[in-house]
Amino acid sequence: MKPWKPILLILLAGCLSISGCTSTAPPSEPERVMLSVDCGWQDIKDFGSGSGEGRLVITDSIDDYQERHEFTGIKSPVREGIEGTEGDTAVFLARWYPGSSMYTSQDMSQSFVTDLDERNWLIESLESLTFSTVKNTRRETEARVVAYVLKKDNDKWTGQAYWICPDGIVLLEGAEDGYTCFYESHTPVPVDYYYISALQVKYYQIPSNFTLFCFDAQLTGPEQYRLCISSNTVHRDFTLEEARDLFSDLKDEIVTQVVNPDPIANRESCIKITEYSQGPADEEIQSRSYYLSPEGRLMFFSEMDHFTHFYWNKDIEVFECTLMWESEPVLDYSEILKLVND
């Protein structure tokens, strides 16, 4: 045997020995792809403080002068027809401005004042007024809200319309010499127009329920979505796929029928859930936040679009309303809290 062969065999054996001892690296976990957004631990202390719940702000522009009126604690109205009205008196509030359509019986049936305290206050305030017996130059075009007070007599409802002006003066329609005229209230203390205006918004323009579209399943790209969940001590982020698994039993639509529930005593125990999403064309990142109560109810704040009424005399009234909606129990609070803490 030539001297180089044993050396070659030894080298070959050494190479086999080394390759047999090399460890194989474990497969790497798939990358968690999600929307790039700064989403750290979310402060919960701003929730349930009462400052933003059921808040209606009315900004009135009269003769180029602006004044602001704020109301809080607005609850969701109960929609009942006149058949569900207790007693023999019902009240309906209508907005009066150029181009306003006539209110149908269906409009009224959905928007009667159902809170007994509010209804009784309206009836007492209007029916206790005294009116001048002399017709004046004020017309219904100076009014902004019309209150219809309906009385039931032998199963038939008949009503009286009160035309309410922003200065608290109320006009009552009459007739003289075959022509329509209006008589002016002259009670020392005028009615509270802005409170009545707020009640009209509550019963006619604030919806009695809200459809909550959350945990958007329409997005197809994982890079378009990020879910952030925070307890009062811990925070965790989730991908689109993880979010779909987490909320697989949740309906695409959650109809809420309670607005501005009573303040939560243990609000610090609520879990804050925020969705971040972006359209496929690098659109602006959108976010929506919800609060999950220990009872499994989803709650969230909603700002209604600002809406404006332009009146006959060119006055302008602007309304801004912030509501908090609450659903029935839809999620398992303990399971989500456990998942966040793992």
Protein backbone atom coordinates (compact mmCIF):
# COMPACT_ATOMS: atom_id res chain seq x y z
CA MET A 1 0.00 0.00 0.00
CA LYS A 2 1.32 3.37 -0.92
CA PRO A 3 2.02 5.64 2.05
CA TRP A 4 -0.60 8.30 1.17
CA LYS A 5 -3.65 5.95 1.33
CA PRO A 6 -3.76 5.46 5.15
CA ILE A 7 -3.52 9.21 5.63
CA LEU A 8 -6.46 9.74 3.26
CA LEU A 9 -8.58 7.16 5.10
CA ILE A 10 -7.84 8.79 8.44
CA LEU A 11 -8.87 12.21 7.11
CA LEU A 12 -12.06 10.76 5.65
CA ALA A 13 -12.95 9.05 8.93
CA GLY A 14 -12.32 12.27 10.80
CA CYS A 15 -14.63 14.18 8.50
CA LEU A 16 -17.40 11.60 8.98
CA SER A 17 -16.95 11.76 12.74
CA ILE A 18 -17.20 15.56 12.82
CA SER A 19 -20.32 15.65 10.59
CA GLY A 20 -22.05 13.06 12.72
CA CYS A 21 -21.66 15.21 15.87
CA THR A 22 -22.93 18.49 14.40
CA SER A 23 -26.33 19.48 15.97
CA THR A 24 -29.21 20.55 13.73
CA ALA A 25 -30.66 24.04 14.51
CA PRO A 26 -34.37 23.98 15.56
CA PRO A 27 -36.79 25.42 13.02
CA SER A 28 -37.40 29.11 13.63
CA GLU A 29 -40.86 30.31 14.62
CA PRO A 30 -42.77 32.07 11.85
CA GLU A 31 -42.46 35.83 11.97
CA ARG A 32 -45.41 37.58 13.62
CA VAL A 33 -46.42 40.05 10.94
CA MET A 34 -48.62 42.94 12.03
CA LEU A 35 -49.18 46.61 11.37
CA SER A 36 -46.29 48.78 12.49
CA VAL A 37 -47.72 51.19 15.02
CA ASP A 38 -46.68 52.49 18.40
CA CYS A 39 -48.97 50.52 20.69
CA GLY A 40 -47.77 50.33 24.26
CA TRP A 41 -49.62 49.83 27.50
CA GLN A 42 -52.90 51.75 27.33
CA ASP A 43 -53.98 53.95 30.20
CA ILE A 44 -57.44 53.09 31.47
CA LYS A 45 -57.89 55.94 33.93
CA ASP A 46 -59.65 58.10 31.32
CA PHE A 47 -62.51 55.64 31.12
CA GLY A 48 -65.69 56.07 33.12
CA SER A 49 -64.69 59.38 34.64
CA GLY A 50 -68.01 60.89 33.66
CA SER A 51 -66.58 63.85 31.75
CA GLY A 52 -67.31 62.45 28.31
CA GLU A 53 -70.30 60.22 28.85
CA GLY A 54 -73.67 61.40 27.60
CA ARG A 55 -72.41 64.89 26.89
CA LEU A 56 -74.27 67.20 24.53
CA VAL A 57 -72.82 70.60 23.68
CA ILE A 58 -75.03 73.18 21.96
CA THR A 59 -73.28 76.15 20.39
CA ASP A 60 -75.70 78.87 19.40
CA SER A 61 -74.92 81.74 17.04
CA ILE A 62 -77.35 84.61 17.46
CA ASP A 63 -76.63 87.87 15.66
CA ASP A 64 -72.95 86.85 15.25
CA TYR A 65 -72.67 86.19 19.00
CA GLN A 66 -71.87 82.64 20.15
CA GLU A 67 -72.94 81.06 23.40
CA ARG A 68 -72.31 77.52 24.58
CA HIS A 69 -74.61 75.24 26.57
CA GLU A 70 -73.51 71.84 27.88
CA PHE A 71 -75.65 68.97 29.14
CA THR A 72 -74.41 65.70 30.66
CA GLY A 73 -75.91 62.40 31.75
CA ILE A 74 -77.99 61.92 28.61
CA LYS A 75 -79.38 58.39 28.64
CA SER A 76 -80.57 56.31 25.73
CA PRO A 77 -84.24 57.04 25.03
CA VAL A 78 -86.77 54.26 25.26
CA ARG A 79 -88.68 54.10 21.99
CA GLU A 80 -92.38 53.66 22.62
CA GLY A 81 -95.43 54.52 20.62
CA ILE A 82 -98.25 56.54 22.01
CA GLU A 83 -99.93 53.29 23.01
CA GLY A 84 -97.11 52.69 25.49
CA THR A 85 -97.48 56.11 27.08
CA GLU A 86 -98.47 56.01 30.72
CA GLY A 87 -101.48 58.09 31.62
CA ASP A 88 -103.56 60.23 29.31
CA THR A 89 -100.94 62.80 28.24
CA ALA A 90 -98.07 62.46 25.75
CA VAL A 91 -95.40 64.89 24.53
CA PHE A 92 -93.56 64.97 21.20
CA LEU A 93 -90.79 67.48 20.38
CA ALA A 94 -90.19 68.55 16.77
CA ARG A 95 -87.43 70.71 15.29
CA TRP A 96 -88.73 73.69 13.29
CA TYR A 97 -86.54 75.17 10.55
CA PRO A 98 -86.81 75.98 6.82
CA GLY A 99 -87.18 72.84 4.78
CA SER A 100 -88.10 70.66 7.74
CA SER A 101 -90.56 68.02 6.67
CA MET A 102 -93.86 67.39 8.32
CA TYR A 103 -93.60 64.82 11.08
CA THR A 104 -95.56 61.67 10.41
CA SER A 105 -97.40 59.59 12.96
CA GLN A 106 -94.56 57.06 12.65
CA ASP A 107 -91.99 59.71 13.57
CA MET A 108 -94.02 60.61 16.62
CA SER A 109 -94.60 57.01 17.63
CA GLN A 110 -90.85 56.45 17.83
CA SER A 111 -89.94 59.65 19.61
CA PHE A 112 -92.37 60.45 22.39
CA VAL A 113 -90.83 61.73 25.61
CA THR A 114 -90.88 58.59 27.74
CA ASP A 115 -88.97 59.62 30.86
CA LEU A 116 -91.65 60.52 33.39
CA ASP A 117 -89.67 63.30 35.07
CA GLU A 118 -88.83 64.92 31.74
CA ARG A 119 -92.36 64.56 30.43
CA ASN A 120 -93.95 65.94 33.59
CA TRP A 121 -91.52 68.88 33.60
CA LEU A 122 -92.42 69.73 30.01
CA ILE A 123 -96.16 69.49 30.64
CA GLU A 124 -95.99 71.59 33.79
CA SER A 125 -93.73 74.21 32.17
CA LEU A 126 -95.96 74.63 29.12
CA GLU A 127 -99.41 74.29 30.62
CA SER A 128 -98.65 76.73 33.44
CA LEU A 129 -97.88 79.53 30.98
CA THR A 130 -100.19 82.49 30.59
CA PHE A 131 -100.57 84.10 27.19
CA SER A 132 -101.39 87.58 26.07
CA THR A 133 -104.86 87.97 24.62
CA VAL A 134 -103.57 90.52 22.14
CA LYS A 135 -102.02 89.27 18.95
CA ASN A 136 -98.46 90.43 18.33
CA THR A 137 -95.98 90.63 15.52
CA ARG A 138 -94.00 87.53 16.50
CA ARG A 139 -94.44 84.65 14.11
CA GLU A 140 -93.80 80.93 14.21
CA THR A 141 -90.64 81.53 12.17
CA GLU A 142 -89.02 82.82 15.39
CA ALA A 143 -89.51 79.41 17.01
CA ARG A 144 -87.04 76.53 16.81
CA VAL A 145 -88.81 73.67 18.57
CA VAL A 146 -92.49 72.77 18.56
CA ALA A 147 -93.82 70.81 21.54
CA TYR A 148 -96.98 68.83 20.87
CA VAL A 149 -98.87 68.02 24.08
CA LEU A 150 -101.46 65.35 23.31
CA LYS A 151 -104.44 64.49 25.50
CA LYS A 152 -106.41 61.27 25.40
CA ASP A 153 -110.18 61.54 25.49
CA ASN A 154 -112.40 58.52 24.81
CA ASP A 155 -109.50 56.66 23.17
CA LYS A 156 -108.84 59.61 20.85
CA TRP A 157 -105.71 61.77 21.04
CA THR A 158 -105.93 65.50 20.37
CA GLY A 159 -103.11 67.98 20.80
CA GLN A 160 -101.93 71.51 21.38
CA ALA A 161 -98.78 72.88 19.72
CA TYR A 162 -96.42 75.19 21.61
CA TRP A 163 -93.90 77.12 19.50
CA ILE A 164 -90.74 77.62 21.58
CA CYS A 165 -88.33 80.48 20.79
CA PRO A 166 -84.65 80.61 21.83
CA ASP A 167 -85.30 83.44 24.28
CA GLY A 168 -87.71 81.19 26.20
CA ILE A 169 -90.85 82.88 24.90
CA VAL A 170 -93.58 80.45 23.80
CA LEU A 171 -96.09 81.22 21.07
CA LEU A 172 -99.59 79.83 20.92
CA GLU A 173 -101.45 79.72 17.63
CA GLY A 174 -104.83 81.40 17.33
CA ALA A 175 -107.04 83.09 14.78
CA GLU A 176 -108.55 86.55 14.44
CA ASP A 177 -110.69 87.89 11.61
CA GLY A 178 -110.19 84.66 9.73
CA TYR A 179 -106.38 84.89 9.82
CA THR A 180 -103.83 82.89 11.77
CA CYS A 181 -102.06 84.78 14.53
CA PHE A 182 -99.87 83.98 17.52
CA TYR A 183 -100.13 84.94 21.16
CA GLU A 184 -97.02 85.40 23.27
CA SER A 185 -96.38 83.97 26.73
CA HIS A 186 -95.71 86.62 29.35
CA THR A 187 -94.79 84.53 32.38
CA PRO A 188 -92.06 86.28 34.43
CA VAL A 189 -89.67 83.34 34.02
CA PRO A 190 -89.28 82.09 30.42
CA VAL A 191 -89.01 78.38 29.72
CA ASP A 192 -85.57 76.79 29.44
CA TYR A 193 -85.25 76.61 25.66
CA TYR A 194 -81.82 74.95 25.55
CA TYR A 195 -82.87 72.14 27.87
CA ILE A 196 -85.90 71.54 25.64
CA SER A 197 -83.60 71.64 22.61
CA ALA A 198 -81.39 69.00 24.26
CA LEU A 199 -84.43 66.81 24.94
CA GLN A 200 -85.45 67.07 21.29
CA VAL A 201 -82.00 65.83 20.26
CA LYS A 202 -82.20 63.00 22.77
CA TYR A 203 -85.59 61.68 21.71
CA TYR A 204 -85.49 62.30 17.99
CA GLN A 205 -81.86 62.32 16.82
CA ILE A 206 -79.93 60.03 19.17
CA PRO A 207 -80.48 56.43 18.03
CA SER A 208 -81.81 53.91 20.50
CA ASN A 209 -79.29 51.29 19.38
CA PHE A 210 -75.94 51.12 17.63
CA THR A 211 -74.43 48.34 15.51
CA LEU A 212 -70.84 47.73 16.52
CA PHE A 213 -68.58 46.40 13.76
CA CYS A 214 -65.45 45.27 15.54
CA PHE A 215 -62.53 42.91 14.94
CA ASP A 216 -62.68 43.48 11.20
CA ALA A 217 -62.58 40.20 9.30
CA GLN A 218 -62.55 41.94 5.92
CA LEU A 219 -58.83 42.71 6.05
CA THR A 220 -56.73 40.14 4.22
CA GLY A 221 -53.19 41.40 4.78
CA PRO A 222 -51.67 40.73 8.22
CA GLU A 223 -49.52 43.81 7.79
CA GLN A 224 -52.72 45.89 7.78
CA TYR A 225 -53.81 45.03 11.31
CA ARG A 226 -52.70 45.05 14.94
CA LEU A 227 -54.71 44.29 18.07
CA CYS A 228 -53.55 45.70 21.40
CA ILE A 229 -55.02 44.52 24.71
CA SER A 230 -54.17 46.01 28.10
CA SER A 231 -55.27 45.11 31.59
CA ASN A 232 -54.52 47.55 34.38
CA THR A 233 -51.01 46.06 34.67
CA VAL A 234 -50.14 44.05 31.54
CA HIS A 235 -50.11 44.66 27.79
CA ARG A 236 -49.95 42.34 24.78
CA ASP A 237 -50.19 42.69 20.97
CA PHE A 238 -51.90 40.26 18.59
CA THR A 239 -51.73 39.62 14.85
CA LEU A 240 -54.74 39.49 12.55
CA GLU A 241 -54.82 35.69 12.61
CA GLU A 242 -54.51 35.61 16.40
CA ALA A 243 -57.30 38.17 16.71
CA ARG A 244 -59.57 36.09 14.49
CA ASP A 245 -58.92 33.02 16.62
CA LEU A 246 -59.42 34.99 19.81
CA PHE A 247 -62.78 36.37 18.71
CA SER A 248 -63.95 33.50 16.52
CA ASP A 249 -67.22 33.17 18.44
CA LEU A 250 -67.96 36.87 18.26
CA LYS A 251 -70.54 38.00 15.74
CA ASP A 252 -69.49 40.45 13.05
CA GLU A 253 -72.20 42.78 14.29
CA ILE A 254 -72.96 43.60 17.90
CA VAL A 255 -76.14 45.58 18.42
CA THR A 256 -76.00 47.69 21.55
CA GLN A 257 -79.12 49.14 23.09
CA VAL A 258 -77.81 50.81 26.23
CA VAL A 259 -76.14 54.18 26.06
CA ASN A 260 -74.35 55.84 28.94
CA PRO A 261 -74.92 53.18 31.59
CA ASP A 262 -74.52 54.01 35.23
CA PRO A 263 -70.89 54.68 36.22
CA ILE A 264 -68.79 51.58 36.77
CA ALA A 265 -67.41 51.33 40.28
CA ASN A 266 -64.54 49.01 39.34
CA ARG A 267 -63.56 50.65 36.06
CA GLU A 268 -59.86 50.00 36.78
CA SER A 269 -60.54 46.28 36.30
CA CYS A 270 -61.78 46.80 32.74
CA ILE A 271 -59.65 45.57 29.85
CA LYS A 272 -58.89 48.05 27.10
CA ILE A 273 -58.89 46.67 23.55
CA THR A 274 -57.67 48.76 20.62
CA GLU A 275 -57.74 47.77 16.96
CA TYR A 276 -55.37 49.43 14.51
CA SER A 277 -55.94 48.98 10.78
CA GLN A 278 -54.77 50.50 7.53
CA GLY A 279 -56.18 50.35 4.02
CA PRO A 280 -54.28 48.61 1.21
CA ALA A 281 -53.21 51.92 -0.35
CA ASP A 282 -51.18 53.07 2.68
CA GLU A 283 -54.12 55.05 3.91
CA GLU A 284 -54.16 56.77 7.28
CA ILE A 285 -54.07 54.34 10.18
CA GLN A 286 -57.45 54.00 11.87
CA SER A 287 -57.97 52.98 15.49
CA ARG A 288 -60.96 51.96 17.57
CA SER A 289 -60.93 51.33 21.30
CA TYR A 290 -63.29 49.23 23.38
CA TYR A 291 -63.51 48.46 27.07
CA LEU A 292 -64.39 44.99 28.32
CA SER A 293 -66.06 44.85 31.71
CA PRO A 294 -65.68 41.91 34.12
CA GLU A 295 -69.22 40.94 33.10
CA GLY A 296 -68.09 40.53 29.48
CA ARG A 297 -69.80 43.65 28.15
CA LEU A 298 -68.11 45.69 25.43
CA MET A 299 -68.26 49.45 25.90
CA PHE A 300 -66.98 52.22 23.69
CA PHE A 301 -67.25 55.95 23.19
CA SER A 302 -68.83 57.33 20.06
CA GLU A 303 -68.90 60.91 18.87
CA MET A 304 -71.86 61.64 16.67
CA ASP A 305 -71.12 63.74 13.65
CA HIS A 306 -71.62 67.40 14.36
CA PHE A 307 -74.96 68.44 13.00
CA THR A 308 -76.27 71.92 12.45
CA HIS A 309 -79.67 73.55 12.13
CA PHE A 310 -80.14 76.81 10.22
CA TYR A 311 -83.25 78.66 11.28
CA TRP A 312 -85.63 81.07 9.58
CA ASN A 313 -83.89 84.20 10.89
CA LYS A 314 -80.41 82.94 9.88
CA ASP A 315 -79.49 81.86 13.43
CA ILE A 316 -77.34 78.72 13.62
CA GLU A 317 -77.39 76.00 16.27
CA VAL A 318 -74.56 73.42 16.30
CA PHE A 319 -74.79 70.14 18.24
CA GLU A 320 -71.92 67.91 19.40
CA CYS A 321 -72.78 64.71 21.23
CA THR A 322 -70.50 62.13 22.88
CA LEU A 323 -72.06 58.83 23.92
CA MET A 324 -70.86 55.63 25.53
CA TRP A 325 -72.49 52.46 24.24
CA GLU A 326 -72.67 49.16 26.10
CA SER A 327 -73.42 45.70 24.70
CA GLU A 328 -74.82 42.60 26.30
CA PRO A 329 -72.17 40.12 27.58
CA VAL A 330 -70.35 38.90 24.46
CA LEU A 331 -66.83 37.91 25.58
CA ASP A 332 -65.28 35.81 28.34
CA TYR A 333 -63.44 38.36 30.47
CA SER A 334 -61.46 35.79 32.48
CA GLU A 335 -60.21 33.98 29.37
CA ILE A 336 -58.97 37.17 27.74
CA LEU A 337 -57.37 38.37 30.96
CA LYS A 338 -55.57 35.02 31.31
CA LEU A 339 -54.36 35.20 27.71
CA VAL A 340 -52.97 38.71 28.20
CA ASN A 341 -51.21 37.72 31.41
CA ASP A 342 -49.59 34.57 29.95
